[in-house]
Amino acid sequence: DGTPTSWTFSATQSDFVWDTNYARISLMGWPDAAPEWFAMISIGFGLQQGRPENPEVLLMPRGDGPALFGQDIEITLTEVGIEGQALRLSGSLSGVLGQTTDYGSSVEMTAPRQIDLTFDGVIAAP
């Protein structure tokens, strides 16, 4: 709704798997100063030869009510690299989310919501 929101990604709930040609990245966080109806955000995507693919974003509500989910997400990475046993990651994502009651198995897009997000951080290896 155009309200600025900030999230802290959890070091214990976010992780990545990396091999020579492919990486899978999973970020999970909780709001710092988000509207009270959001309880958690989850972002997942793969990296195939440095290009993001198969993105998913899930915004879980506090209490009852539908979550917001989207796969029509564009991710732009400004930095990706391994630092020791950690992944350095920064960039942005943009897309449209719809309502879901089953973690994205079915998504209702009659009232779509736009998401625009920037991220920057280091994720430790699992």
N, C-alpha and C. Protein backbone atom coordinates (compact mmCIF):
# COMPACT_ATOMS: atom_id res chain seq x y z
N ASP A 1 0.82 -1.20 0.00
CA ASP A 1 0.00 0.00 0.00
C ASP A 1 0.85 1.25 0.00
N GLY A 2 2.09 1.16 -0.39
CA GLY A 2 2.98 2.31 -0.42
C GLY A 2 3.57 2.68 0.93
N THR A 3 3.29 1.88 1.95
CA THR A 3 3.83 2.14 3.27
C THR A 3 5.25 1.60 3.38
N PRO A 4 6.24 2.43 3.69
CA PRO A 4 7.61 1.91 3.85
C PRO A 4 7.64 0.86 4.97
N THR A 5 8.34 -0.22 4.72
CA THR A 5 8.40 -1.35 5.63
C THR A 5 9.82 -1.85 5.69
N SER A 6 10.27 -2.27 6.87
CA SER A 6 11.60 -2.86 6.96
C SER A 6 11.50 -4.22 7.64
N TRP A 7 12.39 -5.13 7.24
CA TRP A 7 12.40 -6.50 7.73
C TRP A 7 13.82 -6.86 8.15
N THR A 8 13.93 -7.71 9.14
CA THR A 8 15.21 -8.28 9.52
C THR A 8 15.17 -9.75 9.17
N PHE A 9 16.09 -10.17 8.31
CA PHE A 9 16.14 -11.58 7.93
C PHE A 9 16.86 -12.37 9.01
N SER A 10 16.29 -13.50 9.33
CA SER A 10 16.81 -14.35 10.40
C SER A 10 18.02 -15.13 9.93
N ALA A 11 19.11 -15.06 10.69
CA ALA A 11 20.31 -15.84 10.36
C ALA A 11 20.07 -17.33 10.54
N THR A 12 19.17 -17.70 11.44
CA THR A 12 18.93 -19.13 11.68
C THR A 12 17.88 -19.72 10.74
N GLN A 13 17.05 -18.86 10.12
CA GLN A 13 16.01 -19.35 9.22
C GLN A 13 16.33 -19.11 7.74
N SER A 14 17.31 -18.31 7.44
CA SER A 14 17.71 -18.05 6.05
C SER A 14 18.93 -18.91 5.74
N ASP A 15 18.97 -19.43 4.51
CA ASP A 15 20.12 -20.25 4.15
C ASP A 15 20.31 -20.29 2.63
N PHE A 16 21.36 -20.99 2.22
CA PHE A 16 21.62 -21.16 0.80
C PHE A 16 22.36 -22.47 0.58
N VAL A 17 22.19 -22.99 -0.63
CA VAL A 17 22.94 -24.16 -1.09
C VAL A 17 23.63 -23.72 -2.37
N TRP A 18 24.93 -23.95 -2.46
CA TRP A 18 25.72 -23.43 -3.58
C TRP A 18 26.58 -24.55 -4.15
N ASP A 19 26.53 -24.71 -5.46
CA ASP A 19 27.53 -25.55 -6.12
C ASP A 19 28.06 -24.79 -7.32
N THR A 20 28.83 -25.40 -8.16
CA THR A 20 29.54 -24.66 -9.21
C THR A 20 28.63 -23.96 -10.21
N ASN A 21 27.45 -24.52 -10.51
CA ASN A 21 26.58 -23.92 -11.53
C ASN A 21 25.23 -23.44 -11.00
N TYR A 22 24.90 -23.79 -9.77
CA TYR A 22 23.56 -23.49 -9.29
C TYR A 22 23.57 -23.16 -7.80
N ALA A 23 22.70 -22.25 -7.40
CA ALA A 23 22.51 -21.93 -5.98
C ALA A 23 21.02 -21.84 -5.72
N ARG A 24 20.60 -22.21 -4.52
CA ARG A 24 19.22 -22.02 -4.06
C ARG A 24 19.29 -21.17 -2.80
N ILE A 25 18.56 -20.05 -2.80
CA ILE A 25 18.62 -19.08 -1.71
C ILE A 25 17.24 -18.98 -1.07
N SER A 26 17.21 -19.00 0.25
CA SER A 26 15.97 -18.90 1.01
C SER A 26 16.17 -17.87 2.11
N LEU A 27 15.35 -16.82 2.10
CA LEU A 27 15.41 -15.76 3.09
C LEU A 27 14.10 -15.74 3.87
N MET A 28 14.18 -15.65 5.19
CA MET A 28 12.99 -15.56 6.01
C MET A 28 13.20 -14.47 7.05
N GLY A 29 12.22 -13.61 7.20
CA GLY A 29 12.39 -12.51 8.13
C GLY A 29 11.10 -12.06 8.78
N TRP A 30 11.28 -11.18 9.76
CA TRP A 30 10.18 -10.64 10.53
C TRP A 30 10.25 -9.13 10.50
N PRO A 31 9.10 -8.45 10.63
CA PRO A 31 9.08 -7.00 10.48
C PRO A 31 9.77 -6.26 11.61
N ASP A 32 10.48 -5.18 11.25
CA ASP A 32 11.02 -4.24 12.22
C ASP A 32 9.96 -3.18 12.51
N ALA A 33 9.51 -2.55 11.45
CA ALA A 33 8.53 -1.46 11.57
C ALA A 33 7.49 -1.63 10.46
N ALA A 34 6.93 -2.83 10.37
CA ALA A 34 5.96 -3.11 9.32
C ALA A 34 4.54 -2.88 9.82
N PRO A 35 3.60 -2.69 8.93
CA PRO A 35 2.21 -2.62 9.36
C PRO A 35 1.86 -3.85 10.20
N GLU A 36 1.04 -3.67 11.19
CA GLU A 36 0.80 -4.71 12.18
C GLU A 36 0.22 -6.00 11.63
N TRP A 37 -0.33 -6.00 10.42
CA TRP A 37 -0.95 -7.23 9.91
C TRP A 37 0.07 -8.20 9.30
N PHE A 38 1.33 -7.81 9.08
CA PHE A 38 2.33 -8.74 8.55
C PHE A 38 3.11 -9.39 9.68
N ALA A 39 3.27 -10.70 9.62
CA ALA A 39 4.00 -11.42 10.66
C ALA A 39 5.34 -11.96 10.17
N MET A 40 5.45 -12.27 8.86
CA MET A 40 6.66 -12.92 8.36
C MET A 40 6.74 -12.76 6.84
N ILE A 41 7.97 -12.68 6.32
CA ILE A 41 8.19 -12.68 4.88
C ILE A 41 9.16 -13.81 4.55
N SER A 42 8.90 -14.49 3.45
CA SER A 42 9.77 -15.54 2.95
C SER A 42 10.03 -15.30 1.47
N ILE A 43 11.30 -15.31 1.09
CA ILE A 43 11.70 -15.09 -0.30
C ILE A 43 12.61 -16.26 -0.69
N GLY A 44 12.32 -16.88 -1.80
CA GLY A 44 13.16 -17.96 -2.29
C GLY A 44 13.40 -17.83 -3.78
N PHE A 45 14.59 -18.18 -4.22
CA PHE A 45 14.89 -18.19 -5.65
C PHE A 45 16.16 -18.99 -5.90
N GLY A 46 16.32 -19.40 -7.13
CA GLY A 46 17.54 -20.08 -7.55
C GLY A 46 18.43 -19.14 -8.33
N LEU A 47 19.69 -19.51 -8.44
CA LEU A 47 20.64 -18.79 -9.29
C LEU A 47 21.24 -19.79 -10.25
N GLN A 48 20.98 -19.62 -11.51
CA GLN A 48 21.55 -20.48 -12.55
C GLN A 48 22.55 -19.63 -13.31
N GLN A 49 23.83 -19.92 -13.16
CA GLN A 49 24.91 -19.17 -13.79
C GLN A 49 24.77 -17.67 -13.51
N GLY A 50 24.45 -17.34 -12.25
CA GLY A 50 24.37 -15.96 -11.82
C GLY A 50 23.06 -15.25 -12.10
N ARG A 51 22.11 -15.92 -12.77
CA ARG A 51 20.83 -15.30 -13.09
C ARG A 51 19.74 -15.85 -12.17
N PRO A 52 18.95 -14.98 -11.52
CA PRO A 52 17.87 -15.45 -10.65
C PRO A 52 16.79 -16.17 -11.45
N GLU A 53 16.23 -17.23 -10.85
CA GLU A 53 15.15 -17.96 -11.50
C GLU A 53 14.20 -18.55 -10.45
N ASN A 54 12.98 -18.81 -10.86
CA ASN A 54 11.94 -19.42 -10.03
C ASN A 54 11.74 -18.70 -8.70
N PRO A 55 11.54 -17.37 -8.72
CA PRO A 55 11.36 -16.64 -7.47
C PRO A 55 9.98 -16.89 -6.86
N GLU A 56 9.92 -16.81 -5.55
CA GLU A 56 8.68 -16.89 -4.80
C GLU A 56 8.75 -15.94 -3.62
N VAL A 57 7.66 -15.26 -3.35
CA VAL A 57 7.55 -14.39 -2.18
C VAL A 57 6.26 -14.74 -1.46
N LEU A 58 6.36 -14.92 -0.14
CA LEU A 58 5.19 -15.22 0.70
C LEU A 58 5.19 -14.24 1.87
N LEU A 59 4.10 -13.51 2.04
CA LEU A 59 3.90 -12.63 3.19
C LEU A 59 2.80 -13.24 4.04
N MET A 60 3.16 -13.65 5.25
CA MET A 60 2.19 -14.28 6.16
C MET A 60 1.57 -13.21 7.06
N PRO A 61 0.26 -13.31 7.29
CA PRO A 61 -0.40 -12.34 8.17
C PRO A 61 -0.25 -12.72 9.63
N ARG A 62 -0.51 -11.75 10.50
CA ARG A 62 -0.64 -12.05 11.93
C ARG A 62 -2.07 -12.58 12.11
N GLY A 63 -2.21 -13.71 12.77
CA GLY A 63 -3.54 -14.26 13.02
C GLY A 63 -4.18 -14.82 11.77
N ASP A 64 -5.49 -14.78 11.75
CA ASP A 64 -6.27 -15.33 10.63
C ASP A 64 -6.22 -14.43 9.42
N GLY A 65 -6.60 -14.98 8.31
CA GLY A 65 -6.66 -14.21 7.08
C GLY A 65 -5.71 -14.78 6.05
N PRO A 66 -5.91 -14.40 4.80
CA PRO A 66 -5.07 -14.93 3.73
C PRO A 66 -3.67 -14.34 3.74
N ALA A 67 -2.74 -15.13 3.28
CA ALA A 67 -1.37 -14.66 3.05
C ALA A 67 -1.32 -14.03 1.66
N LEU A 68 -0.21 -13.41 1.34
CA LEU A 68 0.04 -12.89 0.00
C LEU A 68 1.19 -13.69 -0.60
N PHE A 69 1.03 -14.13 -1.87
CA PHE A 69 2.03 -14.98 -2.52
C PHE A 69 2.19 -14.55 -3.96
N GLY A 70 3.42 -14.66 -4.45
CA GLY A 70 3.65 -14.36 -5.85
C GLY A 70 4.86 -15.09 -6.41
N GLN A 71 4.76 -15.44 -7.68
CA GLN A 71 5.87 -16.02 -8.42
C GLN A 71 6.23 -15.19 -9.65
N ASP A 72 5.40 -14.21 -9.95
CA ASP A 72 5.67 -13.30 -11.06
C ASP A 72 6.50 -12.14 -10.52
N ILE A 73 7.74 -12.49 -10.15
CA ILE A 73 8.64 -11.58 -9.45
C ILE A 73 9.91 -11.39 -10.27
N GLU A 74 10.35 -10.15 -10.40
CA GLU A 74 11.62 -9.87 -11.07
C GLU A 74 12.66 -9.54 -10.00
N ILE A 75 13.78 -10.25 -10.04
CA ILE A 75 14.87 -10.03 -9.09
C ILE A 75 16.06 -9.47 -9.83
N THR A 76 16.63 -8.40 -9.30
CA THR A 76 17.85 -7.81 -9.83
C THR A 76 18.91 -7.90 -8.74
N LEU A 77 20.01 -8.56 -9.04
CA LEU A 77 21.10 -8.70 -8.06
C LEU A 77 22.20 -7.71 -8.39
N THR A 78 22.62 -6.96 -7.37
CA THR A 78 23.73 -6.02 -7.55
C THR A 78 25.03 -6.59 -7.00
N GLU A 79 24.92 -7.58 -6.09
CA GLU A 79 26.10 -8.23 -5.55
C GLU A 79 25.74 -9.65 -5.11
N VAL A 80 26.55 -10.60 -5.54
CA VAL A 80 26.43 -12.00 -5.11
C VAL A 80 27.83 -12.55 -5.03
N GLY A 81 28.19 -13.13 -3.91
CA GLY A 81 29.51 -13.72 -3.80
C GLY A 81 29.68 -14.47 -2.50
N ILE A 82 30.59 -15.42 -2.52
CA ILE A 82 30.90 -16.20 -1.34
C ILE A 82 32.04 -15.52 -0.58
N GLU A 83 31.83 -15.30 0.72
CA GLU A 83 32.85 -14.77 1.62
C GLU A 83 33.11 -15.83 2.67
N GLY A 84 34.15 -16.62 2.51
CA GLY A 84 34.41 -17.73 3.44
C GLY A 84 33.30 -18.75 3.35
N GLN A 85 32.56 -18.93 4.45
CA GLN A 85 31.42 -19.85 4.47
C GLN A 85 30.09 -19.12 4.42
N ALA A 86 30.07 -17.89 3.91
CA ALA A 86 28.86 -17.09 3.88
C ALA A 86 28.60 -16.55 2.47
N LEU A 87 27.34 -16.24 2.23
CA LEU A 87 26.91 -15.67 0.96
C LEU A 87 26.62 -14.19 1.15
N ARG A 88 27.27 -13.34 0.37
CA ARG A 88 27.00 -11.90 0.36
C ARG A 88 26.00 -11.65 -0.74
N LEU A 89 24.89 -10.96 -0.42
CA LEU A 89 23.80 -10.83 -1.36
C LEU A 89 23.16 -9.45 -1.23
N SER A 90 23.00 -8.75 -2.34
CA SER A 90 22.23 -7.50 -2.34
C SER A 90 21.54 -7.35 -3.67
N GLY A 91 20.43 -6.63 -3.64
CA GLY A 91 19.67 -6.43 -4.86
C GLY A 91 18.27 -5.92 -4.57
N SER A 92 17.37 -6.18 -5.51
CA SER A 92 16.00 -5.74 -5.36
C SER A 92 15.06 -6.74 -6.02
N LEU A 93 13.80 -6.66 -5.64
CA LEU A 93 12.79 -7.47 -6.30
C LEU A 93 11.53 -6.65 -6.45
N SER A 94 10.75 -7.00 -7.46
CA SER A 94 9.52 -6.29 -7.75
C SER A 94 8.55 -7.28 -8.37
N GLY A 95 7.27 -7.16 -8.03
CA GLY A 95 6.30 -8.05 -8.63
C GLY A 95 4.92 -7.86 -8.03
N VAL A 96 4.05 -8.81 -8.33
CA VAL A 96 2.66 -8.75 -7.92
C VAL A 96 2.35 -9.97 -7.07
N LEU A 97 1.64 -9.74 -5.95
CA LEU A 97 1.25 -10.80 -5.05
C LEU A 97 -0.27 -10.91 -5.02
N GLY A 98 -0.76 -12.15 -4.85
CA GLY A 98 -2.19 -12.38 -4.71
C GLY A 98 -2.46 -13.09 -3.41
N GLN A 99 -3.72 -13.19 -3.04
CA GLN A 99 -4.11 -13.83 -1.79
C GLN A 99 -4.07 -15.35 -1.93
N THR A 100 -3.61 -16.01 -0.84
CA THR A 100 -3.57 -17.46 -0.80
C THR A 100 -3.87 -17.93 0.63
N THR A 101 -4.53 -19.07 0.71
CA THR A 101 -4.78 -19.69 2.02
C THR A 101 -4.06 -21.03 2.13
N ASP A 102 -3.31 -21.39 1.08
CA ASP A 102 -2.63 -22.70 1.06
C ASP A 102 -1.18 -22.58 0.62
N TYR A 103 -0.49 -21.55 1.11
CA TYR A 103 0.94 -21.33 0.87
C TYR A 103 1.31 -21.27 -0.60
N GLY A 104 0.40 -20.78 -1.44
CA GLY A 104 0.70 -20.56 -2.84
C GLY A 104 0.26 -21.66 -3.78
N SER A 105 -0.35 -22.73 -3.28
CA SER A 105 -0.86 -23.77 -4.19
C SER A 105 -1.94 -23.20 -5.09
N SER A 106 -2.76 -22.32 -4.55
CA SER A 106 -3.72 -21.57 -5.36
C SER A 106 -3.63 -20.11 -4.94
N VAL A 107 -3.70 -19.22 -5.92
CA VAL A 107 -3.53 -17.79 -5.66
C VAL A 107 -4.68 -17.05 -6.31
N GLU A 108 -5.34 -16.21 -5.55
CA GLU A 108 -6.45 -15.39 -6.03
C GLU A 108 -5.90 -14.02 -6.40
N MET A 109 -6.03 -13.64 -7.68
CA MET A 109 -5.44 -12.39 -8.15
C MET A 109 -6.48 -11.31 -8.44
N THR A 110 -7.68 -11.39 -7.82
CA THR A 110 -8.69 -10.36 -8.06
C THR A 110 -8.32 -9.02 -7.43
N ALA A 111 -7.51 -9.04 -6.38
CA ALA A 111 -7.05 -7.80 -5.74
C ALA A 111 -5.53 -7.87 -5.57
N PRO A 112 -4.78 -7.81 -6.68
CA PRO A 112 -3.32 -7.96 -6.60
C PRO A 112 -2.67 -6.83 -5.83
N ARG A 113 -1.54 -7.15 -5.20
CA ARG A 113 -0.77 -6.18 -4.43
C ARG A 113 0.64 -6.12 -5.00
N GLN A 114 1.14 -4.93 -5.23
CA GLN A 114 2.49 -4.71 -5.74
C GLN A 114 3.49 -4.80 -4.59
N ILE A 115 4.64 -5.43 -4.83
CA ILE A 115 5.73 -5.44 -3.87
C ILE A 115 6.98 -4.92 -4.57
N ASP A 116 7.69 -4.02 -3.92
CA ASP A 116 8.98 -3.51 -4.36
C ASP A 116 9.88 -3.53 -3.14
N LEU A 117 10.99 -4.25 -3.23
CA LEU A 117 11.81 -4.50 -2.04
C LEU A 117 13.28 -4.45 -2.41
N THR A 118 14.10 -3.90 -1.54
CA THR A 118 15.56 -3.99 -1.69
C THR A 118 16.10 -4.81 -0.53
N PHE A 119 17.21 -5.50 -0.75
CA PHE A 119 17.81 -6.33 0.30
C PHE A 119 19.32 -6.24 0.23
N ASP A 120 19.95 -6.47 1.38
CA ASP A 120 21.39 -6.42 1.49
C ASP A 120 21.78 -7.17 2.75
N GLY A 121 22.69 -8.15 2.62
CA GLY A 121 23.10 -8.88 3.81
C GLY A 121 24.05 -10.02 3.52
N VAL A 122 24.41 -10.71 4.60
CA VAL A 122 25.29 -11.87 4.53
C VAL A 122 24.55 -13.04 5.18
N ILE A 123 24.53 -14.18 4.49
CA ILE A 123 23.86 -15.38 4.97
C ILE A 123 24.91 -16.44 5.24
N ALA A 124 24.93 -16.97 6.44
CA ALA A 124 25.90 -18.02 6.78
C ALA A 124 25.49 -19.34 6.13
N ALA A 125 26.49 -20.17 5.84
CA ALA A 125 26.23 -21.49 5.27
C ALA A 125 25.54 -22.35 6.33
N PRO A 126 24.62 -23.25 5.89
CA PRO A 126 23.94 -24.13 6.86
C PRO A 126 24.88 -25.13 7.47
